[in-house]
Amino acid sequence: MNSKHWTRFELLHQTVTNPNIHVKGTHSYYSDAYDNGFESSVVRYLHGDEQTRHKSPPWDIDQLYIGDYVCIGAEAVILMGGNHTHRLDWFSLYPFLDNVEQAYQSKGDTIISDGAWIGMRTMIMPGVSIGEGAVVAANSVVTKDVAPYSIVGGNPAKVIKHRFDADSIKRLLTLNIYQWSEEKFEALRHLICASDIDALESAHTLYESR
């Protein structure tokens, strides 16, 4: 019997083995109940998996960076592999093997920043950066960078709204809460799990003055 269930998830720092995937911290997770897990089902076309890690790549590999406290919904897809050797500026898109090295173009690293929430069945295209605390709605296709604490959705994903006003977002980013020590984060978690920016700033200042 399949033991997978919607309540189950995998902590990425415990399961990721690809050296080109960099997981920060110990809290980011993937809701893997409906597929074969993060590396097998979510991350696509990234050198360094079980089949390719013993081969020398012909080009520099774009890296995948995942921050701490990142929530990735079931059946999301993160596309890597640059342009997949399909050159839009050539007359033929076909990836002929004898000039595949010339056909490849990097898209740059893909970054999912601290505290982001990636909705179920989202597709993230190569080279995209998703900002701190951003939300990507389910079934979205992310083709461009996503600003911190914004909510985006659709195909292509566009800004729906921001989670907080511009001043609060600026103050949140200045606080840099995801760089705090585990001890400080836990001590102030009751304010992080709330929406009073003044109280959070005051507690931060008091904590640092101890």
N, C-alpha and C. Protein backbone atom coordinates (compact mmCIF):
# COMPACT_ATOMS: atom_id res chain seq x y z
N MET A 1 0.84 -1.20 0.00
CA MET A 1 0.00 0.00 0.00
C MET A 1 0.87 1.25 0.00
N ASN A 2 0.49 2.24 -0.78
CA ASN A 2 1.23 3.48 -0.83
C ASN A 2 1.10 4.23 0.49
N SER A 3 2.22 4.52 1.13
CA SER A 3 2.19 5.18 2.43
C SER A 3 2.11 6.69 2.33
N LYS A 4 2.15 7.22 1.10
CA LYS A 4 2.10 8.67 0.94
C LYS A 4 0.71 9.20 1.30
N HIS A 5 0.69 10.39 1.87
CA HIS A 5 -0.54 11.02 2.31
C HIS A 5 -0.34 12.52 2.28
N TRP A 6 -1.42 13.29 2.14
CA TRP A 6 -1.28 14.74 2.02
C TRP A 6 -0.68 15.40 3.26
N THR A 7 -0.67 14.69 4.40
CA THR A 7 -0.06 15.25 5.60
C THR A 7 1.46 15.07 5.64
N ARG A 8 1.99 14.30 4.70
CA ARG A 8 3.42 14.01 4.72
C ARG A 8 4.21 15.02 3.89
N PHE A 9 5.46 15.19 4.25
CA PHE A 9 6.33 16.13 3.54
C PHE A 9 7.77 15.70 3.75
N GLU A 10 8.68 16.28 2.96
CA GLU A 10 10.10 16.01 3.15
C GLU A 10 10.84 17.30 3.47
N LEU A 11 11.71 17.23 4.44
CA LEU A 11 12.59 18.36 4.74
C LEU A 11 13.77 18.31 3.79
N LEU A 12 13.96 19.37 3.03
CA LEU A 12 14.92 19.34 1.92
C LEU A 12 16.35 19.12 2.37
N HIS A 13 16.72 19.64 3.53
CA HIS A 13 18.11 19.46 3.97
C HIS A 13 18.41 18.00 4.28
N GLN A 14 17.37 17.20 4.47
CA GLN A 14 17.56 15.78 4.77
C GLN A 14 17.57 14.91 3.51
N THR A 15 17.00 15.39 2.41
CA THR A 15 16.81 14.53 1.25
C THR A 15 17.62 14.92 0.02
N VAL A 16 18.01 16.18 -0.09
CA VAL A 16 18.70 16.64 -1.30
C VAL A 16 20.13 16.11 -1.33
N THR A 17 20.51 15.54 -2.48
CA THR A 17 21.87 15.03 -2.65
C THR A 17 22.61 15.67 -3.82
N ASN A 18 21.90 16.32 -4.72
CA ASN A 18 22.52 16.95 -5.89
C ASN A 18 23.41 18.11 -5.42
N PRO A 19 24.69 18.11 -5.77
CA PRO A 19 25.59 19.17 -5.32
C PRO A 19 25.28 20.53 -5.93
N ASN A 20 24.43 20.58 -6.93
CA ASN A 20 24.06 21.85 -7.56
C ASN A 20 22.77 22.44 -6.98
N ILE A 21 22.23 21.78 -5.95
CA ILE A 21 21.10 22.31 -5.19
C ILE A 21 21.61 22.70 -3.81
N HIS A 22 21.42 23.95 -3.44
CA HIS A 22 21.95 24.47 -2.18
C HIS A 22 20.78 24.85 -1.28
N VAL A 23 20.63 24.13 -0.18
CA VAL A 23 19.52 24.35 0.74
C VAL A 23 20.04 25.00 2.01
N LYS A 24 19.48 26.15 2.31
CA LYS A 24 19.88 26.89 3.51
C LYS A 24 19.01 26.45 4.70
N GLY A 25 19.63 26.23 5.83
CA GLY A 25 18.88 25.95 7.04
C GLY A 25 18.25 24.57 7.06
N THR A 26 17.34 24.38 8.00
CA THR A 26 16.76 23.06 8.24
C THR A 26 15.24 23.04 8.24
N HIS A 27 14.59 24.08 7.70
CA HIS A 27 13.14 24.18 7.82
C HIS A 27 12.39 24.11 6.50
N SER A 28 13.06 24.26 5.38
CA SER A 28 12.37 24.25 4.08
C SER A 28 11.86 22.86 3.77
N TYR A 29 10.64 22.80 3.20
CA TYR A 29 10.05 21.49 2.95
C TYR A 29 9.33 21.45 1.60
N TYR A 30 9.13 20.23 1.14
CA TYR A 30 8.33 19.97 -0.06
C TYR A 30 7.19 19.01 0.30
N SER A 31 5.98 19.32 -0.12
CA SER A 31 4.83 18.46 0.11
C SER A 31 4.81 17.38 -0.96
N ASP A 32 5.42 16.24 -0.64
CA ASP A 32 5.73 15.23 -1.67
C ASP A 32 4.72 14.09 -1.75
N ALA A 33 3.49 14.31 -1.27
CA ALA A 33 2.54 13.20 -1.13
C ALA A 33 2.12 12.57 -2.46
N TYR A 34 2.22 13.31 -3.56
CA TYR A 34 1.62 12.85 -4.81
C TYR A 34 2.63 12.47 -5.89
N ASP A 35 3.91 12.46 -5.59
CA ASP A 35 4.90 12.11 -6.60
C ASP A 35 6.09 11.42 -5.96
N ASN A 36 7.21 11.43 -6.65
CA ASN A 36 8.39 10.68 -6.18
C ASN A 36 9.39 11.54 -5.41
N GLY A 37 8.98 12.71 -4.98
CA GLY A 37 9.85 13.52 -4.15
C GLY A 37 10.50 14.68 -4.88
N PHE A 38 11.18 15.53 -4.11
CA PHE A 38 11.69 16.80 -4.61
C PHE A 38 12.69 16.64 -5.74
N GLU A 39 13.75 15.88 -5.52
CA GLU A 39 14.78 15.77 -6.55
C GLU A 39 14.31 15.01 -7.78
N SER A 40 13.49 14.00 -7.59
CA SER A 40 13.06 13.18 -8.72
C SER A 40 11.95 13.82 -9.54
N SER A 41 11.07 14.58 -8.89
CA SER A 41 9.88 15.07 -9.57
C SER A 41 9.85 16.58 -9.78
N VAL A 42 10.41 17.34 -8.87
CA VAL A 42 10.30 18.80 -8.93
C VAL A 42 11.42 19.42 -9.76
N VAL A 43 12.66 19.08 -9.45
CA VAL A 43 13.81 19.70 -10.11
C VAL A 43 14.08 18.98 -11.43
N ARG A 44 13.98 19.70 -12.53
CA ARG A 44 14.11 19.09 -13.85
C ARG A 44 15.35 19.63 -14.59
N TYR A 45 16.02 18.76 -15.32
CA TYR A 45 17.12 19.13 -16.22
C TYR A 45 18.31 19.75 -15.48
N LEU A 46 18.57 19.28 -14.27
CA LEU A 46 19.71 19.80 -13.52
C LEU A 46 20.79 18.73 -13.41
N HIS A 47 21.96 19.03 -13.98
CA HIS A 47 23.10 18.12 -13.89
C HIS A 47 23.45 17.89 -12.42
N GLY A 48 23.90 16.68 -12.12
CA GLY A 48 24.28 16.35 -10.76
C GLY A 48 23.30 15.41 -10.09
N ASP A 49 22.27 14.98 -10.83
CA ASP A 49 21.35 13.99 -10.28
C ASP A 49 21.99 12.61 -10.37
N GLU A 50 21.23 11.59 -10.00
CA GLU A 50 21.79 10.23 -9.91
C GLU A 50 22.36 9.75 -11.24
N GLN A 51 21.76 10.14 -12.36
CA GLN A 51 22.19 9.67 -13.68
C GLN A 51 23.37 10.46 -14.24
N THR A 52 23.57 11.70 -13.78
CA THR A 52 24.58 12.55 -14.42
C THR A 52 25.74 12.96 -13.52
N ARG A 53 25.64 12.68 -12.24
CA ARG A 53 26.64 13.24 -11.32
C ARG A 53 28.05 12.71 -11.56
N HIS A 54 28.18 11.58 -12.24
CA HIS A 54 29.51 11.02 -12.50
C HIS A 54 30.06 11.45 -13.86
N LYS A 55 29.32 12.31 -14.56
CA LYS A 55 29.77 12.79 -15.86
C LYS A 55 30.24 14.23 -15.73
N SER A 56 31.20 14.60 -16.55
CA SER A 56 31.70 15.97 -16.54
C SER A 56 30.87 16.82 -17.49
N PRO A 57 30.20 17.86 -16.99
CA PRO A 57 29.35 18.67 -17.86
C PRO A 57 30.17 19.50 -18.84
N PRO A 58 29.66 19.74 -20.04
CA PRO A 58 30.39 20.52 -21.04
C PRO A 58 30.32 22.02 -20.81
N TRP A 59 29.56 22.47 -19.83
CA TRP A 59 29.41 23.90 -19.55
C TRP A 59 29.21 24.09 -18.06
N ASP A 60 29.34 25.33 -17.60
CA ASP A 60 29.08 25.63 -16.19
C ASP A 60 27.60 25.43 -15.90
N ILE A 61 27.31 24.84 -14.76
CA ILE A 61 25.94 24.48 -14.41
C ILE A 61 25.28 25.60 -13.61
N ASP A 62 24.10 26.02 -14.06
CA ASP A 62 23.30 26.95 -13.28
C ASP A 62 22.91 26.28 -11.96
N GLN A 63 22.99 27.01 -10.87
CA GLN A 63 22.74 26.47 -9.55
C GLN A 63 21.32 26.79 -9.07
N LEU A 64 20.81 25.93 -8.18
CA LEU A 64 19.52 26.17 -7.55
C LEU A 64 19.75 26.45 -6.07
N TYR A 65 19.31 27.62 -5.62
CA TYR A 65 19.46 28.03 -4.22
C TYR A 65 18.08 28.14 -3.58
N ILE A 66 17.92 27.49 -2.44
CA ILE A 66 16.65 27.50 -1.72
C ILE A 66 16.92 28.00 -0.31
N GLY A 67 16.23 29.06 0.08
CA GLY A 67 16.42 29.65 1.39
C GLY A 67 15.82 28.81 2.51
N ASP A 68 15.79 29.37 3.70
CA ASP A 68 15.21 28.69 4.85
C ASP A 68 13.73 29.04 4.97
N TYR A 69 12.97 28.19 5.61
CA TYR A 69 11.53 28.37 5.83
C TYR A 69 10.76 28.51 4.51
N VAL A 70 11.24 27.85 3.47
CA VAL A 70 10.55 27.84 2.17
C VAL A 70 9.54 26.71 2.15
N CYS A 71 8.33 27.00 1.66
CA CYS A 71 7.25 26.00 1.56
C CYS A 71 6.98 25.74 0.08
N ILE A 72 7.15 24.51 -0.36
CA ILE A 72 6.95 24.17 -1.77
C ILE A 72 5.81 23.17 -1.87
N GLY A 73 4.74 23.58 -2.56
CA GLY A 73 3.54 22.77 -2.67
C GLY A 73 3.71 21.58 -3.60
N ALA A 74 2.80 20.64 -3.47
CA ALA A 74 2.86 19.39 -4.22
C ALA A 74 2.87 19.61 -5.72
N GLU A 75 3.67 18.83 -6.41
CA GLU A 75 3.75 18.76 -7.86
C GLU A 75 4.22 20.06 -8.52
N ALA A 76 4.93 20.87 -7.75
CA ALA A 76 5.59 22.03 -8.35
C ALA A 76 6.72 21.54 -9.26
N VAL A 77 7.13 22.39 -10.21
CA VAL A 77 8.23 22.07 -11.11
C VAL A 77 9.20 23.24 -11.13
N ILE A 78 10.48 22.94 -10.95
CA ILE A 78 11.54 23.94 -11.09
C ILE A 78 12.39 23.53 -12.27
N LEU A 79 12.28 24.27 -13.36
CA LEU A 79 13.03 23.96 -14.58
C LEU A 79 14.42 24.57 -14.50
N MET A 80 15.42 23.74 -14.75
CA MET A 80 16.79 24.21 -14.81
C MET A 80 17.29 23.99 -16.25
N GLY A 81 18.59 23.92 -16.44
CA GLY A 81 19.13 23.56 -17.75
C GLY A 81 19.16 24.68 -18.78
N GLY A 82 19.16 25.94 -18.33
CA GLY A 82 19.29 27.05 -19.28
C GLY A 82 18.22 27.03 -20.35
N ASN A 83 18.66 27.15 -21.60
CA ASN A 83 17.70 27.16 -22.72
C ASN A 83 17.42 25.77 -23.26
N HIS A 84 17.92 24.73 -22.57
CA HIS A 84 17.71 23.34 -22.98
C HIS A 84 18.25 23.07 -24.39
N THR A 85 19.24 23.86 -24.78
CA THR A 85 19.94 23.78 -26.08
C THR A 85 19.02 24.11 -27.26
N HIS A 86 17.97 24.87 -27.04
CA HIS A 86 17.11 25.35 -28.12
C HIS A 86 17.41 26.84 -28.33
N ARG A 87 18.15 27.17 -29.37
CA ARG A 87 18.57 28.55 -29.62
C ARG A 87 17.50 29.31 -30.39
N LEU A 88 16.92 30.31 -29.76
CA LEU A 88 15.88 31.11 -30.42
C LEU A 88 16.45 32.03 -31.50
N ASP A 89 17.75 32.32 -31.40
CA ASP A 89 18.36 33.20 -32.40
C ASP A 89 18.92 32.44 -33.59
N TRP A 90 18.79 31.11 -33.62
CA TRP A 90 19.16 30.31 -34.78
C TRP A 90 17.92 29.99 -35.60
N PHE A 91 18.10 29.76 -36.87
CA PHE A 91 16.95 29.42 -37.71
C PHE A 91 16.32 28.10 -37.29
N SER A 92 17.15 27.16 -36.86
CA SER A 92 16.64 25.87 -36.39
C SER A 92 16.75 25.79 -34.88
N LEU A 93 15.66 25.40 -34.23
CA LEU A 93 15.65 25.20 -32.79
C LEU A 93 16.18 23.83 -32.38
N TYR A 94 16.36 22.96 -33.35
CA TYR A 94 16.66 21.56 -33.05
C TYR A 94 18.05 21.42 -32.41
N PRO A 95 18.17 20.63 -31.33
CA PRO A 95 19.46 20.47 -30.64
C PRO A 95 20.34 19.38 -31.27
N PHE A 96 20.96 19.69 -32.40
CA PHE A 96 21.84 18.72 -33.05
C PHE A 96 23.02 18.39 -32.14
N LEU A 97 23.32 17.11 -31.99
CA LEU A 97 24.32 16.69 -31.02
C LEU A 97 25.72 17.17 -31.36
N ASP A 98 26.03 17.37 -32.64
CA ASP A 98 27.39 17.76 -32.99
C ASP A 98 27.69 19.23 -32.69
N ASN A 99 26.68 20.03 -32.40
CA ASN A 99 26.97 21.40 -31.97
C ASN A 99 26.14 21.79 -30.75
N VAL A 100 25.89 20.79 -29.88
CA VAL A 100 25.06 21.03 -28.71
C VAL A 100 25.71 22.02 -27.74
N GLU A 101 27.05 22.03 -27.70
CA GLU A 101 27.71 22.98 -26.80
C GLU A 101 27.48 24.42 -27.22
N GLN A 102 27.45 24.66 -28.52
CA GLN A 102 27.17 26.01 -29.00
C GLN A 102 25.69 26.37 -28.84
N ALA A 103 24.85 25.34 -28.82
CA ALA A 103 23.41 25.58 -28.72
C ALA A 103 22.99 25.94 -27.30
N TYR A 104 23.78 25.52 -26.31
CA TYR A 104 23.39 25.78 -24.91
C TYR A 104 23.63 27.24 -24.53
N GLN A 105 22.67 27.82 -23.83
CA GLN A 105 22.81 29.16 -23.26
C GLN A 105 22.32 29.13 -21.82
N SER A 106 23.16 29.60 -20.92
CA SER A 106 22.79 29.66 -19.51
C SER A 106 21.68 30.67 -19.28
N LYS A 107 20.84 30.39 -18.31
CA LYS A 107 19.81 31.35 -17.87
C LYS A 107 20.16 31.94 -16.51
N GLY A 108 21.26 31.48 -15.92
CA GLY A 108 21.65 31.96 -14.60
C GLY A 108 21.04 31.11 -13.49
N ASP A 109 21.48 31.37 -12.28
CA ASP A 109 21.02 30.60 -11.13
C ASP A 109 19.54 30.88 -10.85
N THR A 110 18.88 29.89 -10.28
CA THR A 110 17.51 30.03 -9.82
C THR A 110 17.54 30.16 -8.30
N ILE A 111 16.82 31.15 -7.78
CA ILE A 111 16.87 31.45 -6.34
C ILE A 111 15.46 31.54 -5.78
N ILE A 112 15.20 30.74 -4.76
CA ILE A 112 13.95 30.84 -4.01
C ILE A 112 14.34 31.30 -2.61
N SER A 113 14.00 32.52 -2.28
CA SER A 113 14.51 33.14 -1.06
C SER A 113 13.75 32.70 0.19
N ASP A 114 14.30 33.07 1.33
CA ASP A 114 13.74 32.70 2.62
C ASP A 114 12.26 33.02 2.71
N GLY A 115 11.51 32.10 3.33
CA GLY A 115 10.13 32.37 3.67
C GLY A 115 9.16 32.39 2.52
N ALA A 116 9.59 32.01 1.31
CA ALA A 116 8.68 32.02 0.16
C ALA A 116 7.75 30.81 0.20
N TRP A 117 6.59 30.97 -0.44
CA TRP A 117 5.61 29.88 -0.53
C TRP A 117 5.31 29.64 -1.99
N ILE A 118 5.65 28.46 -2.47
CA ILE A 118 5.45 28.07 -3.86
C ILE A 118 4.22 27.16 -3.92
N GLY A 119 3.16 27.62 -4.57
CA GLY A 119 1.91 26.89 -4.57
C GLY A 119 1.94 25.62 -5.40
N MET A 120 0.95 24.77 -5.16
CA MET A 120 0.83 23.49 -5.84
C MET A 120 0.84 23.66 -7.35
N ARG A 121 1.61 22.82 -8.04
CA ARG A 121 1.70 22.76 -9.50
C ARG A 121 2.23 24.05 -10.13
N THR A 122 2.92 24.86 -9.36
CA THR A 122 3.63 26.00 -9.94
C THR A 122 4.77 25.51 -10.82
N MET A 123 5.05 26.23 -11.89
CA MET A 123 6.24 25.97 -12.70
C MET A 123 7.14 27.21 -12.66
N ILE A 124 8.38 27.00 -12.24
CA ILE A 124 9.35 28.09 -12.16
C ILE A 124 10.35 27.90 -13.30
N MET A 125 10.43 28.89 -14.18
CA MET A 125 11.30 28.79 -15.33
C MET A 125 12.76 29.08 -14.95
N PRO A 126 13.72 28.68 -15.80
CA PRO A 126 15.14 28.82 -15.45
C PRO A 126 15.57 30.27 -15.21
N GLY A 127 16.43 30.46 -14.23
CA GLY A 127 17.05 31.75 -13.99
C GLY A 127 16.21 32.75 -13.24
N VAL A 128 15.11 32.32 -12.64
CA VAL A 128 14.20 33.21 -11.93
C VAL A 128 14.62 33.34 -10.47
N SER A 129 14.41 34.54 -9.91
CA SER A 129 14.62 34.76 -8.48
C SER A 129 13.28 35.11 -7.83
N ILE A 130 12.98 34.41 -6.76
CA ILE A 130 11.74 34.65 -6.02
C ILE A 130 12.12 35.24 -4.67
N GLY A 131 11.60 36.42 -4.37
CA GLY A 131 12.03 37.18 -3.23
C GLY A 131 11.54 36.65 -1.89
N GLU A 132 12.14 37.17 -0.85
CA GLU A 132 11.79 36.80 0.52
C GLU A 132 10.29 36.97 0.76
N GLY A 133 9.69 35.96 1.36
CA GLY A 133 8.30 36.06 1.77
C GLY A 133 7.29 36.14 0.64
N ALA A 134 7.70 35.88 -0.59
CA ALA A 134 6.77 35.96 -1.72
C ALA A 134 5.88 34.73 -1.77
N VAL A 135 4.71 34.90 -2.39
CA VAL A 135 3.76 33.81 -2.57
C VAL A 135 3.51 33.64 -4.06
N VAL A 136 3.62 32.41 -4.55
CA VAL A 136 3.29 32.10 -5.94
C VAL A 136 2.04 31.22 -5.92
N ALA A 137 0.97 31.70 -6.54
CA ALA A 137 -0.30 30.99 -6.50
C ALA A 137 -0.22 29.67 -7.25
N ALA A 138 -1.07 28.74 -6.87
CA ALA A 138 -1.10 27.42 -7.49
C ALA A 138 -1.30 27.52 -9.00
N ASN A 139 -0.64 26.62 -9.73
CA ASN A 139 -0.75 26.51 -11.19
C ASN A 139 -0.17 27.69 -11.95
N SER A 140 0.65 28.49 -11.30
CA SER A 140 1.26 29.64 -11.97
C SER A 140 2.51 29.21 -12.75
N VAL A 141 2.87 30.00 -13.75
CA VAL A 141 4.11 29.82 -14.49
C VAL A 141 4.94 31.08 -14.29
N VAL A 142 6.05 30.94 -13.57
CA VAL A 142 6.87 32.09 -13.19
C VAL A 142 7.98 32.27 -14.22
N THR A 143 7.92 33.35 -14.98
CA THR A 143 8.90 33.61 -16.03
C THR A 143 9.83 34.77 -15.71
N LYS A 144 9.48 35.55 -14.67
CA LYS A 144 10.28 36.72 -14.29
C LYS A 144 10.47 36.74 -12.78
N ASP A 145 11.44 37.53 -12.34
CA ASP A 145 11.71 37.65 -10.91
C ASP A 145 10.46 38.12 -10.16
N VAL A 146 10.34 37.63 -8.94
CA VAL A 146 9.20 37.96 -8.08
C VAL A 146 9.70 38.77 -6.89
N ALA A 147 9.10 39.93 -6.66
CA ALA A 147 9.55 40.83 -5.61
C ALA A 147 9.23 40.28 -4.23
N PRO A 148 10.03 40.65 -3.22
CA PRO A 148 9.78 40.20 -1.86
C PRO A 148 8.37 40.57 -1.38
N TYR A 149 7.75 39.67 -0.68
CA TYR A 149 6.45 39.86 -0.04
C TYR A 149 5.34 40.23 -1.02
N SER A 150 5.52 39.85 -2.28
CA SER A 150 4.45 40.02 -3.25
C SER A 150 3.72 38.70 -3.43
N ILE A 151 2.50 38.79 -3.97
CA ILE A 151 1.72 37.61 -4.33
C ILE A 151 1.52 37.64 -5.83
N VAL A 152 1.97 36.59 -6.52
CA VAL A 152 1.85 36.54 -7.97
C VAL A 152 1.06 35.31 -8.38
N GLY A 153 0.45 35.37 -9.56
CA GLY A 153 -0.30 34.23 -10.05
C GLY A 153 -0.57 34.35 -11.53
N GLY A 154 -0.91 33.23 -12.15
CA GLY A 154 -1.28 33.22 -13.56
C GLY A 154 -0.18 32.69 -14.45
N ASN A 155 -0.43 32.74 -15.76
CA ASN A 155 0.51 32.28 -16.79
C ASN A 155 0.55 33.32 -17.91
N PRO A 156 1.64 34.11 -17.96
CA PRO A 156 2.76 34.15 -17.00
C PRO A 156 2.34 34.82 -15.70
N ALA A 157 3.02 34.48 -14.61
CA ALA A 157 2.66 35.01 -13.30
C ALA A 157 2.86 36.52 -13.25
N LYS A 158 1.84 37.20 -12.73
CA LYS A 158 1.88 38.65 -12.56
C LYS A 158 1.50 38.99 -11.13
N VAL A 159 1.87 40.20 -10.72
CA VAL A 159 1.58 40.62 -9.34
C VAL A 159 0.08 40.77 -9.15
N ILE A 160 -0.44 40.09 -8.14
CA ILE A 160 -1.83 40.23 -7.75
C ILE A 160 -1.96 41.33 -6.69
N LYS A 161 -1.10 41.26 -5.71
CA LYS A 161 -1.03 42.29 -4.67
C LYS A 161 0.23 42.06 -3.86
N HIS A 162 0.46 42.93 -2.89
CA HIS A 162 1.58 42.74 -1.96
C HIS A 162 1.01 42.37 -0.59
N ARG A 163 1.76 41.57 0.13
CA ARG A 163 1.27 41.09 1.42
C ARG A 163 1.16 42.20 2.44
N PHE A 164 2.03 43.20 2.34
CA PHE A 164 2.03 44.32 3.27
C PHE A 164 2.27 45.61 2.49
N ASP A 165 2.09 46.75 3.14
CA ASP A 165 2.37 48.02 2.47
C ASP A 165 3.86 48.19 2.26
N ALA A 166 4.24 49.11 1.39
CA ALA A 166 5.64 49.27 0.98
C ALA A 166 6.55 49.58 2.15
N ASP A 167 6.08 50.40 3.09
CA ASP A 167 6.91 50.75 4.24
C ASP A 167 7.17 49.54 5.12
N SER A 168 6.14 48.74 5.36
CA SER A 168 6.31 47.55 6.19
C SER A 168 7.27 46.54 5.54
N ILE A 169 7.16 46.40 4.21
CA ILE A 169 8.07 45.49 3.51
C ILE A 169 9.51 45.97 3.64
N LYS A 170 9.73 47.26 3.48
CA LYS A 170 11.08 47.81 3.62
C LYS A 170 11.62 47.55 5.02
N ARG A 171 10.79 47.73 6.02
CA ARG A 171 11.22 47.52 7.40
C ARG A 171 11.48 46.03 7.68
N LEU A 172 10.65 45.16 7.12
CA LEU A 172 10.86 43.72 7.26
C LEU A 172 12.19 43.30 6.66
N LEU A 173 12.48 43.80 5.46
CA LEU A 173 13.73 43.43 4.80
C LEU A 173 14.93 43.96 5.58
N THR A 174 14.77 45.12 6.19
CA THR A 174 15.84 45.69 7.00
C THR A 174 16.10 44.84 8.26
N LEU A 175 15.03 44.30 8.83
CA LEU A 175 15.18 43.45 10.01
C LEU A 175 15.94 42.17 9.71
N ASN A 176 15.83 41.69 8.46
CA ASN A 176 16.62 40.52 8.05
C ASN A 176 16.35 39.32 8.95
N ILE A 177 15.07 39.03 9.18
CA ILE A 177 14.72 38.05 10.21
C ILE A 177 15.23 36.65 9.91
N TYR A 178 15.40 36.33 8.63
CA TYR A 178 15.84 34.97 8.30
C TYR A 178 17.35 34.79 8.42
N GLN A 179 18.03 35.87 8.82
CA GLN A 179 19.46 35.75 9.13
C GLN A 179 19.69 35.68 10.64
N TRP A 180 18.63 35.79 11.41
CA TRP A 180 18.77 35.74 12.86
C TRP A 180 19.22 34.34 13.31
N SER A 181 19.81 34.31 14.48
CA SER A 181 20.17 33.02 15.07
C SER A 181 18.89 32.25 15.39
N GLU A 182 19.02 30.94 15.51
CA GLU A 182 17.87 30.10 15.87
C GLU A 182 17.30 30.53 17.21
N GLU A 183 18.16 30.88 18.14
CA GLU A 183 17.71 31.30 19.48
C GLU A 183 16.87 32.57 19.40
N LYS A 184 17.35 33.56 18.65
CA LYS A 184 16.61 34.82 18.54
C LYS A 184 15.30 34.62 17.78
N PHE A 185 15.35 33.84 16.71
CA PHE A 185 14.14 33.60 15.92
C PHE A 185 13.06 32.96 16.79
N GLU A 186 13.43 31.97 17.59
CA GLU A 186 12.46 31.30 18.45
C GLU A 186 11.95 32.24 19.54
N ALA A 187 12.83 33.08 20.07
CA ALA A 187 12.43 34.00 21.13
C ALA A 187 11.40 35.02 20.64
N LEU A 188 11.51 35.40 19.38
CA LEU A 188 10.61 36.43 18.82
C LEU A 188 9.58 35.84 17.87
N ARG A 189 9.46 34.52 17.84
CA ARG A 189 8.57 33.87 16.86
C ARG A 189 7.11 34.28 17.06
N HIS A 190 6.71 34.56 18.30
CA HIS A 190 5.33 34.97 18.52
C HIS A 190 5.01 36.30 17.83
N LEU A 191 6.04 37.09 17.56
CA LEU A 191 5.85 38.35 16.84
C LEU A 191 6.07 38.18 15.34
N ILE A 192 6.89 37.21 14.96
CA ILE A 192 7.05 36.89 13.55
C ILE A 192 5.76 36.28 13.01
N CYS A 193 5.10 35.50 13.85
CA CYS A 193 3.80 34.91 13.48
C CYS A 193 2.67 35.86 13.87
N ALA A 194 2.80 37.10 13.45
CA ALA A 194 1.82 38.14 13.72
C ALA A 194 2.00 39.22 12.65
N SER A 195 1.42 40.38 12.83
CA SER A 195 1.50 41.40 11.79
C SER A 195 1.70 42.82 12.33
N ASP A 196 2.32 42.91 13.51
CA ASP A 196 2.59 44.22 14.11
C ASP A 196 4.07 44.53 13.92
N ILE A 197 4.39 45.32 12.89
CA ILE A 197 5.79 45.60 12.57
C ILE A 197 6.46 46.44 13.65
N ASP A 198 5.70 47.33 14.28
CA ASP A 198 6.27 48.14 15.37
C ASP A 198 6.70 47.26 16.53
N ALA A 199 5.85 46.32 16.90
CA ALA A 199 6.18 45.43 18.01
C ALA A 199 7.39 44.56 17.68
N LEU A 200 7.47 44.10 16.44
CA LEU A 200 8.60 43.27 16.03
C LEU A 200 9.90 44.06 16.06
N GLU A 201 9.86 45.28 15.55
CA GLU A 201 11.06 46.12 15.58
C GLU A 201 11.50 46.42 17.01
N SER A 202 10.54 46.71 17.88
CA SER A 202 10.86 47.02 19.28
C SER A 202 11.48 45.82 19.97
N ALA A 203 10.91 44.64 19.73
CA ALA A 203 11.45 43.44 20.35
C ALA A 203 12.84 43.13 19.82
N HIS A 204 13.05 43.38 18.54
CA HIS A 204 14.38 43.19 17.94
C HIS A 204 15.40 44.10 18.62
N THR A 205 15.06 45.35 18.78
CA THR A 205 15.97 46.31 19.41
C THR A 205 16.27 45.91 20.86
N LEU A 206 15.22 45.49 21.59
CA LEU A 206 15.40 45.09 22.97
C LEU A 206 16.27 43.84 23.06
N TYR A 207 16.06 42.89 22.17
CA TYR A 207 16.83 41.66 22.16
C TYR A 207 18.30 41.96 21.94
N GLU A 208 18.59 42.86 20.99
CA GLU A 208 19.98 43.17 20.64
C GLU A 208 20.67 43.96 21.72
N SER A 209 19.91 44.63 22.60
CA SER A 209 20.51 45.48 23.64
C SER A 209 20.73 44.71 24.95
N ARG A 210 20.41 43.43 24.97
CA ARG A 210 20.57 42.65 26.20
C ARG A 210 22.04 42.57 26.63
